[in-house]
Amino acid sequence: MIVLGNDEFAEGVAKKMNADFAKLETKKFPDGEYYLRILEPGKLKGQKVIFVSRGRTPGLSQDRLLTKSLLVLFRLAEVGAKKIGLFLPYMPYSRQDKEFLPGEVVSVNIFRKILEDKCDLIVSVTNHDKREEGWIDKKFYNIDGTRAAIEFLKTKKFSSPVVAAPDMTSKGSVERIAEAIGGEVLALKKERDRKTGGIKTSGEMPGLTGKEIIFFDDIASSGGTLMCAIEKAKKANADKIICVVVHALDVHNEIAGKNSVDMIKEACDEYYASDTIENPVQGFSIVGQVAEFFKENF
């Protein structure tokens, strides 16, 4: 088995799997066009190959991540790989998973079908529309990043933790974390204006004096959801505010006039994310879970 990639993260996956590593050379032309080259294409012929396609933030382009993935999958078929797997830690367009307003394109379903047509197996982490660990369909498997977050949080010491979901969709994960570290559970409700994108958070926030509150969510992008939750925790006099997400995107928040990672870091006491995307607040890794799955299923 061979793991193909262009960064230390991909090499780490190969090492964890005891697999060979093949290097992908990447460049960008002045007009933004990708240059991609598999350095040793001959050694991939007749082999099982897993391509690791990971982005970095700030500057993450979901379109470019998809383009790179598709181009390499085509090339792997051309060089004669026997079986092709794609590890796409962060699934682009995963938040466009429903038709909220008439006529909207459900983008993630379309891109999944396109990718699945070009390989034998796709593995992603904590898809926005499919939080639970398991098969999304016969070719697409979702790893639940909550497990890695739990292992990370168990290494830290808390005196009186409260684990909170800034959005009700994360309530199940929050309950698992709270059970693992011996904390209370709290869930807020988020409402988003489908036309303006504005966020309103509701739900009771009890007094938090003497307690550490840990907000856990799948994705932080512009940071609006977390910031609403953080403000509520501050008003409730929390001793410490910790934010943990699986996917951290660092994008410009127009309201705050700064990048979202900096904004969240300044607002809370600690901010951590997994390594699904290369990011400035990486605190825990999903490599072990993913390597374990590929070794058993590919």
C-alpha atoms as a PDB file:
ATOM      1  CA  MET A   1       0.000   0.000   0.000  1.00  0.00           C
ATOM      2  CA  ILE A   2       1.226   3.509  -0.869  1.00  0.00           C
ATOM      3  CA  VAL A   3       0.181   6.891   0.517  1.00  0.00           C
ATOM      4  CA  LEU A   4       0.513   9.823  -1.899  1.00  0.00           C
ATOM      5  CA  GLY A   5       0.692  13.401  -0.662  1.00  0.00           C
ATOM      6  CA  ASN A   6       2.580  16.672  -0.527  1.00  0.00           C
ATOM      7  CA  ASP A   7       3.051  17.478   3.166  1.00  0.00           C
ATOM      8  CA  GLU A   8       4.167  16.142   6.550  1.00  0.00           C
ATOM      9  CA  PHE A   9       0.574  15.286   7.417  1.00  0.00           C
ATOM     10  CA  ALA A  10       0.384  12.814   4.513  1.00  0.00           C
ATOM     11  CA  GLU A  11       3.758  11.380   5.512  1.00  0.00           C
ATOM     12  CA  GLY A  12       2.386  10.936   9.032  1.00  0.00           C
ATOM     13  CA  VAL A  13      -0.564   8.955   7.684  1.00  0.00           C
ATOM     14  CA  ALA A  14       1.845   6.697   5.757  1.00  0.00           C
ATOM     15  CA  LYS A  15       4.024   6.179   8.810  1.00  0.00           C
ATOM     16  CA  LYS A  16       1.035   5.347  11.024  1.00  0.00           C
ATOM     17  CA  MET A  17      -0.113   2.779   8.463  1.00  0.00           C
ATOM     18  CA  ASN A  18       3.382   1.334   7.912  1.00  0.00           C
ATOM     19  CA  ALA A  19       2.867   2.144   4.232  1.00  0.00           C
ATOM     20  CA  ASP A  20       5.243   3.520   1.602  1.00  0.00           C
ATOM     21  CA  PHE A  21       5.064   7.241   0.885  1.00  0.00           C
ATOM     22  CA  ALA A  22       5.028   8.788  -2.596  1.00  0.00           C
ATOM     23  CA  LYS A  23       5.589  12.493  -3.077  1.00  0.00           C
ATOM     24  CA  LEU A  24       3.270  14.766  -5.018  1.00  0.00           C
ATOM     25  CA  GLU A  25       4.928  17.951  -6.278  1.00  0.00           C
ATOM     26  CA  THR A  26       2.638  20.972  -6.331  1.00  0.00           C
ATOM     27  CA  LYS A  27       3.152  24.448  -7.734  1.00  0.00           C
ATOM     28  CA  LYS A  28       0.933  27.349  -8.654  1.00  0.00           C
ATOM     29  CA  PHE A  29       1.217  29.370 -11.845  1.00  0.00           C
ATOM     30  CA  PRO A  30       0.846  33.176 -11.655  1.00  0.00           C
ATOM     31  CA  ASP A  31      -2.771  32.934 -12.834  1.00  0.00           C
ATOM     32  CA  GLY A  32      -3.588  30.499 -10.024  1.00  0.00           C
ATOM     33  CA  GLU A  33      -3.531  27.344 -12.135  1.00  0.00           C
ATOM     34  CA  TYR A  34      -2.289  24.155 -10.445  1.00  0.00           C
ATOM     35  CA  TYR A  35       0.831  22.252 -11.471  1.00  0.00           C
ATOM     36  CA  LEU A  36       0.780  18.688 -10.127  1.00  0.00           C
ATOM     37  CA  ARG A  37       3.333  15.931 -10.595  1.00  0.00           C
ATOM     38  CA  ILE A  38       3.620  12.456  -9.078  1.00  0.00           C
ATOM     39  CA  LEU A  39       7.390  12.118  -8.674  1.00  0.00           C
ATOM     40  CA  GLU A  40       7.591   8.326  -9.006  1.00  0.00           C
ATOM     41  CA  PRO A  41       4.548   7.278 -11.060  1.00  0.00           C
ATOM     42  CA  GLY A  42       6.077   3.919 -12.008  1.00  0.00           C
ATOM     43  CA  LYS A  43       5.989   2.580  -8.466  1.00  0.00           C
ATOM     44  CA  LEU A  44       2.226   3.168  -8.205  1.00  0.00           C
ATOM     45  CA  LYS A  45       1.320   0.784 -11.030  1.00  0.00           C
ATOM     46  CA  GLY A  46      -0.594  -2.231  -9.743  1.00  0.00           C
ATOM     47  CA  GLN A  47      -0.619  -0.859  -6.172  1.00  0.00           C
ATOM     48  CA  LYS A  48      -3.273   0.254  -3.723  1.00  0.00           C
ATOM     49  CA  VAL A  49      -2.839   4.035  -3.456  1.00  0.00           C
ATOM     50  CA  ILE A  50      -4.359   6.460  -0.943  1.00  0.00           C
ATOM     51  CA  PHE A  51      -4.181  10.111  -1.958  1.00  0.00           C
ATOM     52  CA  VAL A  52      -4.212  12.562   0.965  1.00  0.00           C
ATOM     53  CA  SER A  53      -5.760  15.859  -0.153  1.00  0.00           C
ATOM     54  CA  ARG A  54      -5.553  18.439   2.634  1.00  0.00           C
ATOM     55  CA  GLY A  55      -5.897  22.209   2.637  1.00  0.00           C
ATOM     56  CA  ARG A  56      -4.446  24.935   4.804  1.00  0.00           C
ATOM     57  CA  THR A  57      -5.862  28.078   6.334  1.00  0.00           C
ATOM     58  CA  PRO A  58      -5.805  31.057   6.091  1.00  0.00           C
ATOM     59  CA  GLY A  59      -6.193  31.053   2.339  1.00  0.00           C
ATOM     60  CA  LEU A  60      -8.138  27.801   2.043  1.00  0.00           C
ATOM     61  CA  SER A  61      -9.842  27.526  -1.334  1.00  0.00           C
ATOM     62  CA  GLN A  62     -12.458  24.805  -1.385  1.00  0.00           C
ATOM     63  CA  ASP A  63     -12.601  24.979  -5.183  1.00  0.00           C
ATOM     64  CA  ARG A  64      -8.851  24.416  -5.456  1.00  0.00           C
ATOM     65  CA  LEU A  65      -8.995  21.532  -2.978  1.00  0.00           C
ATOM     66  CA  LEU A  66     -11.611  19.812  -5.133  1.00  0.00           C
ATOM     67  CA  THR A  67      -9.709  20.565  -8.340  1.00  0.00           C
ATOM     68  CA  LYS A  68      -6.494  19.072  -6.956  1.00  0.00           C
ATOM     69  CA  SER A  69      -8.331  15.982  -5.754  1.00  0.00           C
ATOM     70  CA  LEU A  70      -9.999  15.329  -9.099  1.00  0.00           C
ATOM     71  CA  LEU A  71      -6.873  15.909 -11.177  1.00  0.00           C
ATOM     72  CA  VAL A  72      -4.794  13.519  -9.075  1.00  0.00           C
ATOM     73  CA  LEU A  73      -7.514  10.854  -9.053  1.00  0.00           C
ATOM     74  CA  PHE A  74      -7.583  10.935 -12.863  1.00  0.00           C
ATOM     75  CA  ARG A  75      -3.785  10.634 -13.003  1.00  0.00           C
ATOM     76  CA  LEU A  76      -3.712   7.710 -10.567  1.00  0.00           C
ATOM     77  CA  ALA A  77      -6.021   5.777 -12.888  1.00  0.00           C
ATOM     78  CA  GLU A  78      -3.788   6.641 -15.848  1.00  0.00           C
ATOM     79  CA  VAL A  79      -0.610   5.363 -14.169  1.00  0.00           C
ATOM     80  CA  GLY A  80      -2.316   2.069 -13.392  1.00  0.00           C
ATOM     81  CA  ALA A  81      -3.046   2.117  -9.663  1.00  0.00           C
ATOM     82  CA  LYS A  82      -4.898  -1.093  -8.785  1.00  0.00           C
ATOM     83  CA  LYS A  83      -7.146   0.523  -6.187  1.00  0.00           C
ATOM     84  CA  ILE A  84      -7.567   4.226  -5.454  1.00  0.00           C
ATOM     85  CA  GLY A  85      -8.530   5.758  -2.113  1.00  0.00           C
ATOM     86  CA  LEU A  86      -9.020   9.447  -1.340  1.00  0.00           C
ATOM     87  CA  PHE A  87      -8.532  10.860   2.131  1.00  0.00           C
ATOM     88  CA  LEU A  88     -10.170  14.284   2.103  1.00  0.00           C
ATOM     89  CA  PRO A  89     -10.063  15.355   5.787  1.00  0.00           C
ATOM     90  CA  TYR A  90     -12.274  18.391   5.226  1.00  0.00           C
ATOM     91  CA  MET A  91     -15.068  17.910   2.705  1.00  0.00           C
ATOM     92  CA  PRO A  92     -15.551  21.118   0.694  1.00  0.00           C
ATOM     93  CA  TYR A  93     -19.082  22.480   0.370  1.00  0.00           C
ATOM     94  CA  SER A  94     -20.239  20.275   3.260  1.00  0.00           C
ATOM     95  CA  ARG A  95     -22.372  23.075   4.720  1.00  0.00           C
ATOM     96  CA  GLN A  96     -24.412  23.277   1.514  1.00  0.00           C
ATOM     97  CA  ASP A  97     -26.193  20.041   2.346  1.00  0.00           C
ATOM     98  CA  LYS A  98     -29.871  21.030   2.062  1.00  0.00           C
ATOM     99  CA  GLU A  99     -32.167  23.143  -0.071  1.00  0.00           C
ATOM    100  CA  PHE A 100     -33.001  25.771   2.526  1.00  0.00           C
ATOM    101  CA  LEU A 101     -34.454  28.234  -0.001  1.00  0.00           C
ATOM    102  CA  PRO A 102     -36.180  27.182  -3.264  1.00  0.00           C
ATOM    103  CA  GLY A 103     -33.759  26.689  -6.136  1.00  0.00           C
ATOM    104  CA  GLU A 104     -30.581  26.355  -4.062  1.00  0.00           C
ATOM    105  CA  VAL A 105     -27.967  23.897  -5.324  1.00  0.00           C
ATOM    106  CA  VAL A 106     -27.216  21.109  -2.798  1.00  0.00           C
ATOM    107  CA  SER A 107     -23.531  21.306  -3.656  1.00  0.00           C
ATOM    108  CA  VAL A 108     -22.021  18.643  -1.385  1.00  0.00           C
ATOM    109  CA  ASN A 109     -24.135  15.849  -2.892  1.00  0.00           C
ATOM    110  CA  ILE A 110     -22.987  16.739  -6.398  1.00  0.00           C
ATOM    111  CA  PHE A 111     -19.295  16.838  -5.496  1.00  0.00           C
ATOM    112  CA  ARG A 112     -19.509  13.555  -3.603  1.00  0.00           C
ATOM    113  CA  LYS A 113     -20.905  11.846  -6.689  1.00  0.00           C
ATOM    114  CA  ILE A 114     -18.184  13.293  -8.926  1.00  0.00           C
ATOM    115  CA  LEU A 115     -15.396  12.198  -6.579  1.00  0.00           C
ATOM    116  CA  GLU A 116     -16.862   8.751  -5.969  1.00  0.00           C
ATOM    117  CA  ASP A 117     -16.929   8.112  -9.707  1.00  0.00           C
ATOM    118  CA  LYS A 118     -13.136   8.450  -9.846  1.00  0.00           C
ATOM    119  CA  CYS A 119     -12.007   6.247  -6.944  1.00  0.00           C
ATOM    120  CA  ASP A 120     -12.853   3.181  -4.901  1.00  0.00           C
ATOM    121  CA  LEU A 121     -13.122   4.743  -1.438  1.00  0.00           C
ATOM    122  CA  ILE A 122     -13.331   8.221   0.063  1.00  0.00           C
ATOM    123  CA  VAL A 123     -12.733   8.966   3.737  1.00  0.00           C
ATOM    124  CA  SER A 124     -13.559  12.329   5.270  1.00  0.00           C
ATOM    125  CA  VAL A 125     -13.854  13.657   8.822  1.00  0.00           C
ATOM    126  CA  THR A 126     -16.946  15.022  10.621  1.00  0.00           C
ATOM    127  CA  ASN A 127     -19.000  15.940   7.588  1.00  0.00           C
ATOM    128  CA  HIS A 128     -21.357  18.786   8.404  1.00  0.00           C
ATOM    129  CA  ASP A 129     -24.436  16.876   7.268  1.00  0.00           C
ATOM    130  CA  LYS A 130     -23.346  13.455   8.599  1.00  0.00           C
ATOM    131  CA  ARG A 131     -21.838  13.846  12.079  1.00  0.00           C
ATOM    132  CA  GLU A 132     -22.060  10.192  13.124  1.00  0.00           C
ATOM    133  CA  GLU A 133     -19.218   7.766  12.451  1.00  0.00           C
ATOM    134  CA  GLY A 134     -20.067   5.421   9.572  1.00  0.00           C
ATOM    135  CA  TRP A 135     -20.813   4.989   5.898  1.00  0.00           C
ATOM    136  CA  ILE A 136     -22.529   7.840   4.085  1.00  0.00           C
ATOM    137  CA  ASP A 137     -22.928   5.502   1.122  1.00  0.00           C
ATOM    138  CA  LYS A 138     -21.097   2.464  -0.250  1.00  0.00           C
ATOM    139  CA  LYS A 139     -17.951   4.442  -1.186  1.00  0.00           C
ATOM    140  CA  PHE A 140     -17.875   7.319   1.318  1.00  0.00           C
ATOM    141  CA  TYR A 141     -16.986   6.888   5.001  1.00  0.00           C
ATOM    142  CA  ASN A 142     -17.260   9.562   7.691  1.00  0.00           C
ATOM    143  CA  ILE A 143     -14.763   9.550  10.574  1.00  0.00           C
ATOM    144  CA  ASP A 144     -16.092  11.207  13.737  1.00  0.00           C
ATOM    145  CA  GLY A 145     -13.437  13.652  14.960  1.00  0.00           C
ATOM    146  CA  THR A 146     -15.097  13.807  18.388  1.00  0.00           C
ATOM    147  CA  ARG A 147     -13.076  10.770  19.441  1.00  0.00           C
ATOM    148  CA  ALA A 148      -9.757  12.568  18.868  1.00  0.00           C
ATOM    149  CA  ALA A 149     -11.085  15.652  20.667  1.00  0.00           C
ATOM    150  CA  ILE A 150     -12.035  13.509  23.672  1.00  0.00           C
ATOM    151  CA  GLU A 151      -8.573  11.957  23.884  1.00  0.00           C
ATOM    152  CA  PHE A 152      -7.057  15.440  23.760  1.00  0.00           C
ATOM    153  CA  LEU A 153      -9.342  16.902  26.431  1.00  0.00           C
ATOM    154  CA  LYS A 154      -8.692  13.939  28.736  1.00  0.00           C
ATOM    155  CA  THR A 155      -5.037  15.049  28.903  1.00  0.00           C
ATOM    156  CA  LYS A 156      -6.069  18.409  30.370  1.00  0.00           C
ATOM    157  CA  LYS A 157      -7.115  19.079  33.947  1.00  0.00           C
ATOM    158  CA  PHE A 158     -10.488  20.633  34.738  1.00  0.00           C
ATOM    159  CA  SER A 159     -11.953  21.403  38.153  1.00  0.00           C
ATOM    160  CA  SER A 160     -15.614  21.862  37.197  1.00  0.00           C
ATOM    161  CA  PRO A 161     -16.128  21.590  33.433  1.00  0.00           C
ATOM    162  CA  VAL A 162     -19.298  22.372  31.509  1.00  0.00           C
ATOM    163  CA  VAL A 163     -19.284  21.090  27.932  1.00  0.00           C
ATOM    164  CA  ALA A 164     -21.510  23.152  25.669  1.00  0.00           C
ATOM    165  CA  ALA A 165     -22.843  22.954  22.126  1.00  0.00           C
ATOM    166  CA  PRO A 166     -23.057  26.422  20.559  1.00  0.00           C
ATOM    167  CA  ASP A 167     -25.450  24.803  18.074  1.00  0.00           C
ATOM    168  CA  MET A 168     -27.925  21.998  18.881  1.00  0.00           C
ATOM    169  CA  THR A 169     -26.568  19.865  16.012  1.00  0.00           C
ATOM    170  CA  SER A 170     -23.448  19.199  18.137  1.00  0.00           C
ATOM    171  CA  LYS A 171     -25.389  18.116  21.235  1.00  0.00           C
ATOM    172  CA  GLY A 172     -24.634  14.401  20.797  1.00  0.00           C
ATOM    173  CA  SER A 173     -20.877  14.989  20.589  1.00  0.00           C
ATOM    174  CA  VAL A 174     -21.010  17.306  23.599  1.00  0.00           C
ATOM    175  CA  GLU A 175     -22.726  14.623  25.673  1.00  0.00           C
ATOM    176  CA  ARG A 176     -19.964  12.133  24.832  1.00  0.00           C
ATOM    177  CA  ILE A 177     -17.232  14.621  25.747  1.00  0.00           C
ATOM    178  CA  ALA A 178     -18.926  15.520  29.034  1.00  0.00           C
ATOM    179  CA  GLU A 179     -19.226  11.857  29.987  1.00  0.00           C
ATOM    180  CA  ALA A 180     -15.534  11.257  29.177  1.00  0.00           C
ATOM    181  CA  ILE A 181     -14.183  14.159  31.245  1.00  0.00           C
ATOM    182  CA  GLY A 182     -16.833  14.208  33.977  1.00  0.00           C
ATOM    183  CA  GLY A 183     -18.579  17.428  33.051  1.00  0.00           C
ATOM    184  CA  GLU A 184     -22.043  18.929  32.823  1.00  0.00           C
ATOM    185  CA  VAL A 185     -23.850  19.346  29.481  1.00  0.00           C
ATOM    186  CA  LEU A 186     -25.276  22.528  28.015  1.00  0.00           C
ATOM    187  CA  ALA A 187     -26.750  23.149  24.549  1.00  0.00           C
ATOM    188  CA  LEU A 188     -27.678  26.427  22.881  1.00  0.00           C
ATOM    189  CA  LYS A 189     -29.858  26.935  19.833  1.00  0.00           C
ATOM    190  CA  LYS A 190     -28.565  28.771  16.791  1.00  0.00           C
ATOM    191  CA  GLU A 191     -30.822  30.464  14.269  1.00  0.00           C
ATOM    192  CA  ARG A 192     -29.392  31.741  10.991  1.00  0.00           C
ATOM    193  CA  ASP A 193     -31.116  34.185   8.661  1.00  0.00           C
ATOM    194  CA  ARG A 194     -31.004  32.290   5.363  1.00  0.00           C
ATOM    195  CA  LYS A 195     -30.840  35.494   3.320  1.00  0.00           C
ATOM    196  CA  THR A 196     -28.469  37.705   5.338  1.00  0.00           C
ATOM    197  CA  GLY A 197     -26.417  34.992   7.099  1.00  0.00           C
ATOM    198  CA  GLY A 198     -26.954  36.723  10.447  1.00  0.00           C
ATOM    199  CA  ILE A 199     -26.814  34.502  13.560  1.00  0.00           C
ATOM    200  CA  LYS A 200     -28.943  34.607  16.700  1.00  0.00           C
ATOM    201  CA  THR A 201     -28.205  32.310  19.663  1.00  0.00           C
ATOM    202  CA  SER A 202     -30.861  31.408  22.217  1.00  0.00           C
ATOM    203  CA  GLY A 203     -31.039  29.126  25.240  1.00  0.00           C
ATOM    204  CA  GLU A 204     -30.536  29.421  28.968  1.00  0.00           C
ATOM    205  CA  MET A 205     -26.988  29.970  30.223  1.00  0.00           C
ATOM    206  CA  PRO A 206     -26.857  29.253  33.985  1.00  0.00           C
ATOM    207  CA  GLY A 207     -24.350  30.948  36.266  1.00  0.00           C
ATOM    208  CA  LEU A 208     -20.853  29.656  35.517  1.00  0.00           C
ATOM    209  CA  THR A 209     -18.862  31.148  38.398  1.00  0.00           C
ATOM    210  CA  GLY A 210     -16.092  28.713  39.362  1.00  0.00           C
ATOM    211  CA  LYS A 211     -16.594  26.640  36.200  1.00  0.00           C
ATOM    212  CA  GLU A 212     -14.739  26.129  32.932  1.00  0.00           C
ATOM    213  CA  ILE A 213     -16.944  26.056  29.853  1.00  0.00           C
ATOM    214  CA  ILE A 214     -15.820  24.073  26.810  1.00  0.00           C
ATOM    215  CA  PHE A 215     -17.610  24.899  23.549  1.00  0.00           C
ATOM    216  CA  PHE A 216     -17.392  22.107  20.964  1.00  0.00           C
ATOM    217  CA  ASP A 217     -18.501  22.295  17.324  1.00  0.00           C
ATOM    218  CA  ASP A 218     -17.691  20.700  13.984  1.00  0.00           C
ATOM    219  CA  ILE A 219     -16.654  23.808  12.016  1.00  0.00           C
ATOM    220  CA  ALA A 220     -15.650  27.362  12.838  1.00  0.00           C
ATOM    221  CA  SER A 221     -15.475  29.598   9.771  1.00  0.00           C
ATOM    222  CA  SER A 222     -16.328  33.278  10.190  1.00  0.00           C
ATOM    223  CA  GLY A 223     -16.681  32.576  13.920  1.00  0.00           C
ATOM    224  CA  GLY A 224     -20.127  34.088  14.419  1.00  0.00           C
ATOM    225  CA  THR A 225     -21.638  31.056  16.160  1.00  0.00           C
ATOM    226  CA  LEU A 226     -18.774  30.720  18.634  1.00  0.00           C
ATOM    227  CA  MET A 227     -18.644  34.451  19.329  1.00  0.00           C
ATOM    228  CA  CYS A 228     -22.347  34.515  20.268  1.00  0.00           C
ATOM    229  CA  ALA A 229     -21.776  31.592  22.630  1.00  0.00           C
ATOM    230  CA  ILE A 230     -18.643  33.172  24.128  1.00  0.00           C
ATOM    231  CA  GLU A 231     -20.514  36.382  24.892  1.00  0.00           C
ATOM    232  CA  LYS A 232     -23.186  34.429  26.752  1.00  0.00           C
ATOM    233  CA  ALA A 233     -20.504  32.586  28.765  1.00  0.00           C
ATOM    234  CA  LYS A 234     -18.837  35.851  29.731  1.00  0.00           C
ATOM    235  CA  LYS A 235     -22.133  37.269  30.975  1.00  0.00           C
ATOM    236  CA  ALA A 236     -22.559  34.084  33.032  1.00  0.00           C
ATOM    237  CA  ASN A 237     -19.130  34.722  34.669  1.00  0.00           C
ATOM    238  CA  ALA A 238     -17.365  31.570  33.464  1.00  0.00           C
ATOM    239  CA  ASP A 239     -13.914  31.189  35.032  1.00  0.00           C
ATOM    240  CA  LYS A 240     -12.437  29.936  31.762  1.00  0.00           C
ATOM    241  CA  ILE A 241     -13.769  29.695  28.192  1.00  0.00           C
ATOM    242  CA  ILE A 242     -12.295  27.028  25.907  1.00  0.00           C
ATOM    243  CA  CYS A 243     -13.288  26.508  22.272  1.00  0.00           C
ATOM    244  CA  VAL A 244     -12.653  23.212  20.483  1.00  0.00           C
ATOM    245  CA  VAL A 245     -13.589  22.479  16.864  1.00  0.00           C
ATOM    246  CA  VAL A 246     -12.775  19.719  14.401  1.00  0.00           C
ATOM    247  CA  HIS A 247     -12.337  21.999  11.368  1.00  0.00           C
ATOM    248  CA  ALA A 248     -10.922  25.493  11.914  1.00  0.00           C
ATOM    249  CA  LEU A 249     -11.120  27.848   8.946  1.00  0.00           C
ATOM    250  CA  ASP A 250      -9.338  31.175   9.254  1.00  0.00           C
ATOM    251  CA  VAL A 251     -11.345  33.667   7.207  1.00  0.00           C
ATOM    252  CA  HIS A 252     -11.842  37.409   7.358  1.00  0.00           C
ATOM    253  CA  ASN A 253     -14.755  38.419   9.565  1.00  0.00           C
ATOM    254  CA  GLU A 254     -16.106  41.649   8.097  1.00  0.00           C
ATOM    255  CA  ILE A 255     -17.972  42.693  11.249  1.00  0.00           C
ATOM    256  CA  ALA A 256     -14.905  42.357  13.500  1.00  0.00           C
ATOM    257  CA  GLY A 257     -12.492  43.495  10.790  1.00  0.00           C
ATOM    258  CA  LYS A 258     -10.034  40.680  11.500  1.00  0.00           C
ATOM    259  CA  ASN A 259      -9.384  37.033  10.765  1.00  0.00           C
ATOM    260  CA  SER A 260     -11.724  34.650  12.582  1.00  0.00           C
ATOM    261  CA  VAL A 261      -8.997  32.625  14.325  1.00  0.00           C
ATOM    262  CA  ASP A 262      -7.507  35.777  15.862  1.00  0.00           C
ATOM    263  CA  MET A 263     -10.969  37.011  16.805  1.00  0.00           C
ATOM    264  CA  ILE A 264     -11.894  33.766  18.610  1.00  0.00           C
ATOM    265  CA  LYS A 265      -8.475  33.473  20.309  1.00  0.00           C
ATOM    266  CA  GLU A 266      -8.812  36.997  21.692  1.00  0.00           C
ATOM    267  CA  ALA A 267     -12.358  36.389  22.920  1.00  0.00           C
ATOM    268  CA  CYS A 268     -11.745  33.133  24.806  1.00  0.00           C
ATOM    269  CA  ASP A 269      -8.981  31.674  26.969  1.00  0.00           C
ATOM    270  CA  GLU A 270      -8.009  28.707  24.773  1.00  0.00           C
ATOM    271  CA  TYR A 271      -8.832  27.720  21.196  1.00  0.00           C
ATOM    272  CA  TYR A 272      -7.995  24.320  19.670  1.00  0.00           C
ATOM    273  CA  ALA A 273      -8.709  22.486  16.421  1.00  0.00           C
ATOM    274  CA  SER A 274      -7.769  19.200  14.804  1.00  0.00           C
ATOM    275  CA  ASP A 275      -5.332  18.854  11.904  1.00  0.00           C
ATOM    276  CA  THR A 276      -7.937  18.166   9.196  1.00  0.00           C
ATOM    277  CA  ILE A 277      -6.876  21.542   7.822  1.00  0.00           C
ATOM    278  CA  GLU A 278      -3.420  22.989   8.472  1.00  0.00           C
ATOM    279  CA  ASN A 279      -4.272  25.840  10.846  1.00  0.00           C
ATOM    280  CA  PRO A 280      -2.779  28.162  13.500  1.00  0.00           C
ATOM    281  CA  VAL A 281      -4.581  26.547  16.481  1.00  0.00           C
ATOM    282  CA  GLN A 282      -3.985  22.851  15.856  1.00  0.00           C
ATOM    283  CA  GLY A 283      -4.156  20.977  19.155  1.00  0.00           C
ATOM    284  CA  PHE A 284      -5.020  17.364  18.327  1.00  0.00           C
ATOM    285  CA  SER A 285      -4.744  14.910  15.436  1.00  0.00           C
ATOM    286  CA  ILE A 286      -7.131  12.578  13.607  1.00  0.00           C
ATOM    287  CA  VAL A 287      -4.311  10.679  11.856  1.00  0.00           C
ATOM    288  CA  GLY A 288      -4.530   7.670  14.182  1.00  0.00           C
ATOM    289  CA  GLN A 289      -8.246   7.155  13.596  1.00  0.00           C
ATOM    290  CA  VAL A 290      -7.915   7.455   9.845  1.00  0.00           C
ATOM    291  CA  ALA A 291      -4.908   5.155   9.588  1.00  0.00           C
ATOM    292  CA  GLU A 292      -6.757   2.579  11.665  1.00  0.00           C
ATOM    293  CA  PHE A 293      -9.761   2.702   9.326  1.00  0.00           C
ATOM    294  CA  PHE A 294      -7.746   2.428   6.092  1.00  0.00           C
ATOM    295  CA  LYS A 295      -5.717  -0.508   7.438  1.00  0.00           C
ATOM    296  CA  GLU A 296      -8.918  -2.413   8.155  1.00  0.00           C
ATOM    297  CA  ASN A 297     -10.985  -1.400   5.128  1.00  0.00           C
ATOM    298  CA  PHE A 298      -8.774  -0.691   2.118  1.00  0.00           C
END
